[in-house]
Amino acid sequence: MDLGLYGDVGRIRKRYRPQIAVGAVMLTLTFVTLFVPIVYYITEQNVYERRLLSYFYYFVILYYCFSAVYVTRRYE
């Protein structure tokens, strides 16, 4: 969204480095969860169970949404 509004790749690299890092951590946790159930677990009865760390994903997604609204409002 920021690239569409401002058209500057350097701005994205500079301003969104923390968000990119958090996204990379989430991606890494997702891959690790395939082998060690830290975010979610699927039982033998094929039932999906969330672990405590799964709520971290919700907070990050909310942060990304509020950040997008903030960038759009600030641009206007």
PDB file of N, CA and C in Angstrom:
ATOM      1  N   MET A   1       0.819  -1.179   0.000  1.00  0.00           N
ATOM      2  CA  MET A   1       0.000   0.000   0.000  1.00  0.00           C
ATOM      3  C   MET A   1       0.867   1.248   0.000  1.00  0.00           C
ATOM      4  N   ASP A   2       1.888   1.242   0.792  1.00  0.00           N
ATOM      5  CA  ASP A   2       2.772   2.397   0.883  1.00  0.00           C
ATOM      6  C   ASP A   2       3.450   2.666  -0.452  1.00  0.00           C
ATOM      7  N   LEU A   3       3.829   1.616  -1.148  1.00  0.00           N
ATOM      8  CA  LEU A   3       4.465   1.770  -2.455  1.00  0.00           C
ATOM      9  C   LEU A   3       3.490   2.394  -3.445  1.00  0.00           C
ATOM     10  N   GLY A   4       2.242   2.011  -3.395  1.00  0.00           N
ATOM     11  CA  GLY A   4       1.237   2.595  -4.273  1.00  0.00           C
ATOM     12  C   GLY A   4       0.975   4.059  -3.964  1.00  0.00           C
ATOM     13  N   LEU A   5       1.070   4.441  -2.700  1.00  0.00           N
ATOM     14  CA  LEU A   5       0.813   5.819  -2.321  1.00  0.00           C
ATOM     15  C   LEU A   5       2.015   6.723  -2.570  1.00  0.00           C
ATOM     16  N   TYR A   6       3.179   6.289  -2.122  1.00  0.00           N
ATOM     17  CA  TYR A   6       4.362   7.141  -2.178  1.00  0.00           C
ATOM     18  C   TYR A   6       5.291   6.804  -3.336  1.00  0.00           C
ATOM     19  N   GLY A   7       5.272   5.559  -3.807  1.00  0.00           N
ATOM     20  CA  GLY A   7       6.088   5.161  -4.942  1.00  0.00           C
ATOM     21  C   GLY A   7       7.579   5.129  -4.666  1.00  0.00           C
ATOM     22  N   ASP A   8       7.977   4.845  -3.439  1.00  0.00           N
ATOM     23  CA  ASP A   8       9.394   4.864  -3.068  1.00  0.00           C
ATOM     24  C   ASP A   8       9.746   3.562  -2.345  1.00  0.00           C
ATOM     25  N   VAL A   9      10.566   2.720  -2.992  1.00  0.00           N
ATOM     26  CA  VAL A   9      10.965   1.452  -2.392  1.00  0.00           C
ATOM     27  C   VAL A   9      11.894   1.684  -1.203  1.00  0.00           C
ATOM     28  N   GLY A  10      12.745   2.683  -1.274  1.00  0.00           N
ATOM     29  CA  GLY A  10      13.648   3.003  -0.162  1.00  0.00           C
ATOM     30  C   GLY A  10      12.891   3.351   1.102  1.00  0.00           C
ATOM     31  N   ARG A  11      11.775   4.031   0.958  1.00  0.00           N
ATOM     32  CA  ARG A  11      10.935   4.381   2.116  1.00  0.00           C
ATOM     33  C   ARG A  11      10.415   3.115   2.788  1.00  0.00           C
ATOM     34  N   ILE A  12      10.020   2.136   2.000  1.00  0.00           N
ATOM     35  CA  ILE A  12       9.506   0.882   2.550  1.00  0.00           C
ATOM     36  C   ILE A  12      10.599   0.165   3.324  1.00  0.00           C
ATOM     37  N   ARG A  13      11.769   0.073   2.732  1.00  0.00           N
ATOM     38  CA  ARG A  13      12.879  -0.619   3.407  1.00  0.00           C
ATOM     39  C   ARG A  13      13.253   0.068   4.711  1.00  0.00           C
ATOM     40  N   LYS A  14      13.192   1.378   4.752  1.00  0.00           N
ATOM     41  CA  LYS A  14      13.587   2.117   5.946  1.00  0.00           C
ATOM     42  C   LYS A  14      12.506   2.099   7.025  1.00  0.00           C
ATOM     43  N   ARG A  15      11.262   2.344   6.662  1.00  0.00           N
ATOM     44  CA  ARG A  15      10.206   2.517   7.647  1.00  0.00           C
ATOM     45  C   ARG A  15       9.581   1.212   8.120  1.00  0.00           C
ATOM     46  N   TYR A  16       9.644   0.168   7.309  1.00  0.00           N
ATOM     47  CA  TYR A  16       8.919  -1.049   7.640  1.00  0.00           C
ATOM     48  C   TYR A  16       9.826  -2.208   8.007  1.00  0.00           C
ATOM     49  N   ARG A  17      11.055  -1.940   8.327  1.00  0.00           N
ATOM     50  CA  ARG A  17      11.976  -3.000   8.735  1.00  0.00           C
ATOM     51  C   ARG A  17      11.464  -3.779   9.950  1.00  0.00           C
ATOM     52  N   PRO A  18      10.936  -3.140  10.996  1.00  0.00           N
ATOM     53  CA  PRO A  18      10.401  -3.916  12.132  1.00  0.00           C
ATOM     54  C   PRO A  18       9.215  -4.795  11.736  1.00  0.00           C
ATOM     55  N   GLN A  19       8.344  -4.300  10.875  1.00  0.00           N
ATOM     56  CA  GLN A  19       7.200  -5.100  10.453  1.00  0.00           C
ATOM     57  C   GLN A  19       7.644  -6.295   9.621  1.00  0.00           C
ATOM     58  N   ILE A  20       8.648  -6.103   8.799  1.00  0.00           N
ATOM     59  CA  ILE A  20       9.181  -7.203   8.001  1.00  0.00           C
ATOM     60  C   ILE A  20       9.817  -8.242   8.913  1.00  0.00           C
ATOM     61  N   ALA A  21      10.506  -7.801   9.941  1.00  0.00           N
ATOM     62  CA  ALA A  21      11.142  -8.724  10.880  1.00  0.00           C
ATOM     63  C   ALA A  21      10.091  -9.547  11.626  1.00  0.00           C
ATOM     64  N   VAL A  22       9.008  -8.903  12.061  1.00  0.00           N
ATOM     65  CA  VAL A  22       7.940  -9.624  12.761  1.00  0.00           C
ATOM     66  C   VAL A  22       7.283 -10.629  11.812  1.00  0.00           C
ATOM     67  N   GLY A  23       7.083 -10.250  10.567  1.00  0.00           N
ATOM     68  CA  GLY A  23       6.526 -11.177   9.582  1.00  0.00           C
ATOM     69  C   GLY A  23       7.434 -12.372   9.355  1.00  0.00           C
ATOM     70  N   ALA A  24       8.738 -12.138   9.335  1.00  0.00           N
ATOM     71  CA  ALA A  24       9.691 -13.239   9.172  1.00  0.00           C
ATOM     72  C   ALA A  24       9.651 -14.177  10.378  1.00  0.00           C
ATOM     73  N   VAL A  25       9.508 -13.624  11.571  1.00  0.00           N
ATOM     74  CA  VAL A  25       9.395 -14.451  12.775  1.00  0.00           C
ATOM     75  C   VAL A  25       8.127 -15.301  12.719  1.00  0.00           C
ATOM     76  N   MET A  26       7.025 -14.699  12.287  1.00  0.00           N
ATOM     77  CA  MET A  26       5.775 -15.447  12.176  1.00  0.00           C
ATOM     78  C   MET A  26       5.898 -16.575  11.151  1.00  0.00           C
ATOM     79  N   LEU A  27       6.538 -16.290  10.042  1.00  0.00           N
ATOM     80  CA  LEU A  27       6.737 -17.319   9.019  1.00  0.00           C
ATOM     81  C   LEU A  27       7.605 -18.457   9.541  1.00  0.00           C
ATOM     82  N   THR A  28       8.661 -18.103  10.270  1.00  0.00           N
ATOM     83  CA  THR A  28       9.536 -19.118  10.857  1.00  0.00           C
ATOM     84  C   THR A  28       8.780 -19.965  11.874  1.00  0.00           C
ATOM     85  N   LEU A  29       7.971 -19.328  12.717  1.00  0.00           N
ATOM     86  CA  LEU A  29       7.174 -20.075  13.698  1.00  0.00           C
ATOM     87  C   LEU A  29       6.195 -21.027  13.019  1.00  0.00           C
ATOM     88  N   THR A  30       5.646 -20.606  11.906  1.00  0.00           N
ATOM     89  CA  THR A  30       4.720 -21.470  11.177  1.00  0.00           C
ATOM     90  C   THR A  30       5.426 -22.716  10.665  1.00  0.00           C
ATOM     91  N   PHE A  31       6.623 -22.561  10.122  1.00  0.00           N
ATOM     92  CA  PHE A  31       7.372 -23.723   9.640  1.00  0.00           C
ATOM     93  C   PHE A  31       7.821 -24.621  10.788  1.00  0.00           C
ATOM     94  N   VAL A  32       8.229 -24.032  11.902  1.00  0.00           N
ATOM     95  CA  VAL A  32       8.650 -24.828  13.054  1.00  0.00           C
ATOM     96  C   VAL A  32       7.471 -25.617  13.614  1.00  0.00           C
ATOM     97  N   THR A  33       6.279 -25.025  13.543  1.00  0.00           N
ATOM     98  CA  THR A  33       5.087 -25.687  14.071  1.00  0.00           C
ATOM     99  C   THR A  33       4.763 -26.970  13.312  1.00  0.00           C
ATOM    100  N   LEU A  34       5.224 -27.097  12.094  1.00  0.00           N
ATOM    101  CA  LEU A  34       4.997 -28.340  11.355  1.00  0.00           C
ATOM    102  C   LEU A  34       5.674 -29.526  12.041  1.00  0.00           C
ATOM    103  N   PHE A  35       6.752 -29.246  12.778  1.00  0.00           N
ATOM    104  CA  PHE A  35       7.509 -30.310  13.432  1.00  0.00           C
ATOM    105  C   PHE A  35       7.326 -30.328  14.949  1.00  0.00           C
ATOM    106  N   VAL A  36       7.168 -29.148  15.546  1.00  0.00           N
ATOM    107  CA  VAL A  36       6.982 -29.015  16.993  1.00  0.00           C
ATOM    108  C   VAL A  36       5.723 -28.180  17.212  1.00  0.00           C
ATOM    109  N   PRO A  37       4.702 -28.704  17.875  1.00  0.00           N
ATOM    110  CA  PRO A  37       3.431 -27.968  17.995  1.00  0.00           C
ATOM    111  C   PRO A  37       3.508 -26.806  18.984  1.00  0.00           C
ATOM    112  N   ILE A  38       3.977 -25.663  18.522  1.00  0.00           N
ATOM    113  CA  ILE A  38       4.059 -24.498  19.410  1.00  0.00           C
ATOM    114  C   ILE A  38       2.982 -23.461  19.115  1.00  0.00           C
ATOM    115  N   VAL A  39       2.459 -23.422  17.897  1.00  0.00           N
ATOM    116  CA  VAL A  39       1.407 -22.463  17.558  1.00  0.00           C
ATOM    117  C   VAL A  39       0.054 -23.162  17.510  1.00  0.00           C
ATOM    118  N   TYR A  40       0.014 -24.339  16.907  1.00  0.00           N
ATOM    119  CA  TYR A  40      -1.210 -25.124  16.863  1.00  0.00           C
ATOM    120  C   TYR A  40      -0.855 -26.604  16.881  1.00  0.00           C
ATOM    121  N   TYR A  41      -1.870 -27.405  17.092  1.00  0.00           N
ATOM    122  CA  TYR A  41      -1.673 -28.850  17.158  1.00  0.00           C
ATOM    123  C   TYR A  41      -2.890 -29.523  16.537  1.00  0.00           C
ATOM    124  N   ILE A  42      -2.663 -30.552  15.760  1.00  0.00           N
ATOM    125  CA  ILE A  42      -3.752 -31.331  15.187  1.00  0.00           C
ATOM    126  C   ILE A  42      -3.696 -32.722  15.818  1.00  0.00           C
ATOM    127  N   THR A  43      -4.754 -33.085  16.499  1.00  0.00           N
ATOM    128  CA  THR A  43      -4.792 -34.360  17.233  1.00  0.00           C
ATOM    129  C   THR A  43      -4.965 -35.540  16.278  1.00  0.00           C
ATOM    130  N   GLU A  44      -4.907 -36.739  16.844  1.00  0.00           N
ATOM    131  CA  GLU A  44      -5.100 -37.950  16.057  1.00  0.00           C
ATOM    132  C   GLU A  44      -6.526 -38.037  15.507  1.00  0.00           C
ATOM    133  N   GLN A  45      -7.466 -37.373  16.178  1.00  0.00           N
ATOM    134  CA  GLN A  45      -8.857 -37.353  15.725  1.00  0.00           C
ATOM    135  C   GLN A  45      -9.092 -36.230  14.713  1.00  0.00           C
ATOM    136  N   ASN A  46      -8.006 -35.609  14.246  1.00  0.00           N
ATOM    137  CA  ASN A  46      -8.049 -34.529  13.255  1.00  0.00           C
ATOM    138  C   ASN A  46      -8.759 -33.283  13.794  1.00  0.00           C
ATOM    139  N   VAL A  47      -8.516 -32.971  15.063  1.00  0.00           N
ATOM    140  CA  VAL A  47      -9.081 -31.789  15.705  1.00  0.00           C
ATOM    141  C   VAL A  47      -7.971 -30.751  15.849  1.00  0.00           C
ATOM    142  N   TYR A  48      -8.266 -29.539  15.408  1.00  0.00           N
ATOM    143  CA  TYR A  48      -7.316 -28.434  15.467  1.00  0.00           C
ATOM    144  C   TYR A  48      -7.367 -27.786  16.843  1.00  0.00           C
ATOM    145  N   GLU A  49      -6.220 -27.645  17.491  1.00  0.00           N
ATOM    146  CA  GLU A  49      -6.138 -27.001  18.801  1.00  0.00           C
ATOM    147  C   GLU A  49      -5.129 -25.864  18.733  1.00  0.00           C
ATOM    148  N   ARG A  50      -5.550 -24.701  19.180  1.00  0.00           N
ATOM    149  CA  ARG A  50      -4.644 -23.562  19.232  1.00  0.00           C
ATOM    150  C   ARG A  50      -3.801 -23.631  20.488  1.00  0.00           C
ATOM    151  N   ARG A  51      -2.568 -23.200  20.360  1.00  0.00           N
ATOM    152  CA  ARG A  51      -1.690 -23.048  21.516  1.00  0.00           C
ATOM    153  C   ARG A  51      -1.683 -21.571  21.900  1.00  0.00           C
ATOM    154  N   LEU A  52      -1.062 -21.261  23.007  1.00  0.00           N
ATOM    155  CA  LEU A  52      -1.035 -19.887  23.507  1.00  0.00           C
ATOM    156  C   LEU A  52      -0.362 -18.929  22.521  1.00  0.00           C
ATOM    157  N   LEU A  53       0.654 -19.395  21.836  1.00  0.00           N
ATOM    158  CA  LEU A  53       1.391 -18.532  20.903  1.00  0.00           C
ATOM    159  C   LEU A  53       0.565 -18.145  19.683  1.00  0.00           C
ATOM    160  N   SER A  54      -0.522 -18.851  19.411  1.00  0.00           N
ATOM    161  CA  SER A  54      -1.338 -18.535  18.238  1.00  0.00           C
ATOM    162  C   SER A  54      -1.995 -17.166  18.357  1.00  0.00           C
ATOM    163  N   TYR A  55      -2.238 -16.712  19.576  1.00  0.00           N
ATOM    164  CA  TYR A  55      -2.858 -15.403  19.755  1.00  0.00           C
ATOM    165  C   TYR A  55      -1.907 -14.269  19.384  1.00  0.00           C
ATOM    166  N   PHE A  56      -0.634 -14.522  19.366  1.00  0.00           N
ATOM    167  CA  PHE A  56       0.349 -13.552  18.889  1.00  0.00           C
ATOM    168  C   PHE A  56       0.056 -13.178  17.435  1.00  0.00           C
ATOM    169  N   TYR A  57      -0.372 -14.143  16.634  1.00  0.00           N
ATOM    170  CA  TYR A  57      -0.699 -13.889  15.235  1.00  0.00           C
ATOM    171  C   TYR A  57      -1.850 -12.888  15.120  1.00  0.00           C
ATOM    172  N   TYR A  58      -2.852 -13.007  15.968  1.00  0.00           N
ATOM    173  CA  TYR A  58      -3.983 -12.085  15.930  1.00  0.00           C
ATOM    174  C   TYR A  58      -3.551 -10.656  16.246  1.00  0.00           C
ATOM    175  N   PHE A  59      -2.697 -10.502  17.236  1.00  0.00           N
ATOM    176  CA  PHE A  59      -2.216  -9.167  17.577  1.00  0.00           C
ATOM    177  C   PHE A  59      -1.396  -8.560  16.442  1.00  0.00           C
ATOM    178  N   VAL A  60      -0.590  -9.364  15.803  1.00  0.00           N
ATOM    179  CA  VAL A  60       0.224  -8.863  14.699  1.00  0.00           C
ATOM    180  C   VAL A  60      -0.661  -8.459  13.519  1.00  0.00           C
ATOM    181  N   ILE A  61      -1.664  -9.263  13.216  1.00  0.00           N
ATOM    182  CA  ILE A  61      -2.571  -8.932  12.114  1.00  0.00           C
ATOM    183  C   ILE A  61      -3.331  -7.646  12.415  1.00  0.00           C
ATOM    184  N   LEU A  62      -3.795  -7.479  13.643  1.00  0.00           N
ATOM    185  CA  LEU A  62      -4.453  -6.228  14.022  1.00  0.00           C
ATOM    186  C   LEU A  62      -3.513  -5.036  13.891  1.00  0.00           C
ATOM    187  N   TYR A  63      -2.272  -5.221  14.301  1.00  0.00           N
ATOM    188  CA  TYR A  63      -1.289  -4.151  14.173  1.00  0.00           C
ATOM    189  C   TYR A  63      -1.085  -3.780  12.704  1.00  0.00           C
ATOM    190  N   TYR A  64      -0.995  -4.778  11.830  1.00  0.00           N
ATOM    191  CA  TYR A  64      -0.827  -4.501  10.405  1.00  0.00           C
ATOM    192  C   TYR A  64      -2.040  -3.755   9.847  1.00  0.00           C
ATOM    193  N   CYS A  65      -3.235  -4.125  10.265  1.00  0.00           N
ATOM    194  CA  CYS A  65      -4.441  -3.441   9.794  1.00  0.00           C
ATOM    195  C   CYS A  65      -4.475  -1.988  10.250  1.00  0.00           C
ATOM    196  N   PHE A  66      -4.200  -1.757  11.534  1.00  0.00           N
ATOM    197  CA  PHE A  66      -4.188  -0.385  12.038  1.00  0.00           C
ATOM    198  C   PHE A  66      -3.071   0.431  11.384  1.00  0.00           C
ATOM    199  N   SER A  67      -1.964  -0.209  11.115  1.00  0.00           N
ATOM    200  CA  SER A  67      -0.860   0.475  10.449  1.00  0.00           C
ATOM    201  C   SER A  67      -1.254   0.898   9.037  1.00  0.00           C
ATOM    202  N   ALA A  68      -1.963   0.040   8.330  1.00  0.00           N
ATOM    203  CA  ALA A  68      -2.410   0.373   6.975  1.00  0.00           C
ATOM    204  C   ALA A  68      -3.391   1.540   6.990  1.00  0.00           C
ATOM    205  N   VAL A  69      -4.302   1.536   7.953  1.00  0.00           N
ATOM    206  CA  VAL A  69      -5.248   2.644   8.071  1.00  0.00           C
ATOM    207  C   VAL A  69      -4.497   3.932   8.404  1.00  0.00           C
ATOM    208  N   TYR A  70      -3.535   3.860   9.292  1.00  0.00           N
ATOM    209  CA  TYR A  70      -2.754   5.033   9.674  1.00  0.00           C
ATOM    210  C   TYR A  70      -1.991   5.615   8.473  1.00  0.00           C
ATOM    211  N   VAL A  71      -1.351   4.760   7.700  1.00  0.00           N
ATOM    212  CA  VAL A  71      -0.596   5.229   6.538  1.00  0.00           C
ATOM    213  C   VAL A  71      -1.533   5.889   5.531  1.00  0.00           C
ATOM    214  N   THR A  72      -2.689   5.287   5.316  1.00  0.00           N
ATOM    215  CA  THR A  72      -3.645   5.854   4.364  1.00  0.00           C
ATOM    216  C   THR A  72      -4.179   7.201   4.837  1.00  0.00           C
ATOM    217  N   ARG A  73      -4.524   7.292   6.095  1.00  0.00           N
ATOM    218  CA  ARG A  73      -5.040   8.564   6.642  1.00  0.00           C
ATOM    219  C   ARG A  73      -3.967   9.641   6.627  1.00  0.00           C
ATOM    220  N   ARG A  74      -2.753   9.260   6.935  1.00  0.00           N
ATOM    221  CA  ARG A  74      -1.673  10.245   6.948  1.00  0.00           C
ATOM    222  C   ARG A  74      -1.375  10.759   5.538  1.00  0.00           C
ATOM    223  N   TYR A  75      -1.490   9.880   4.555  1.00  0.00           N
ATOM    224  CA  TYR A  75      -1.266  10.300   3.176  1.00  0.00           C
ATOM    225  C   TYR A  75      -2.311  11.294   2.713  1.00  0.00           C
ATOM    226  N   GLU A  76      -3.552  11.072   3.154  1.00  0.00           N
ATOM    227  CA  GLU A  76      -4.642  11.968   2.754  1.00  0.00           C
ATOM    228  C   GLU A  76      -4.441  13.331   3.361  1.00  0.00           C
TER     229      GLU A  76
END
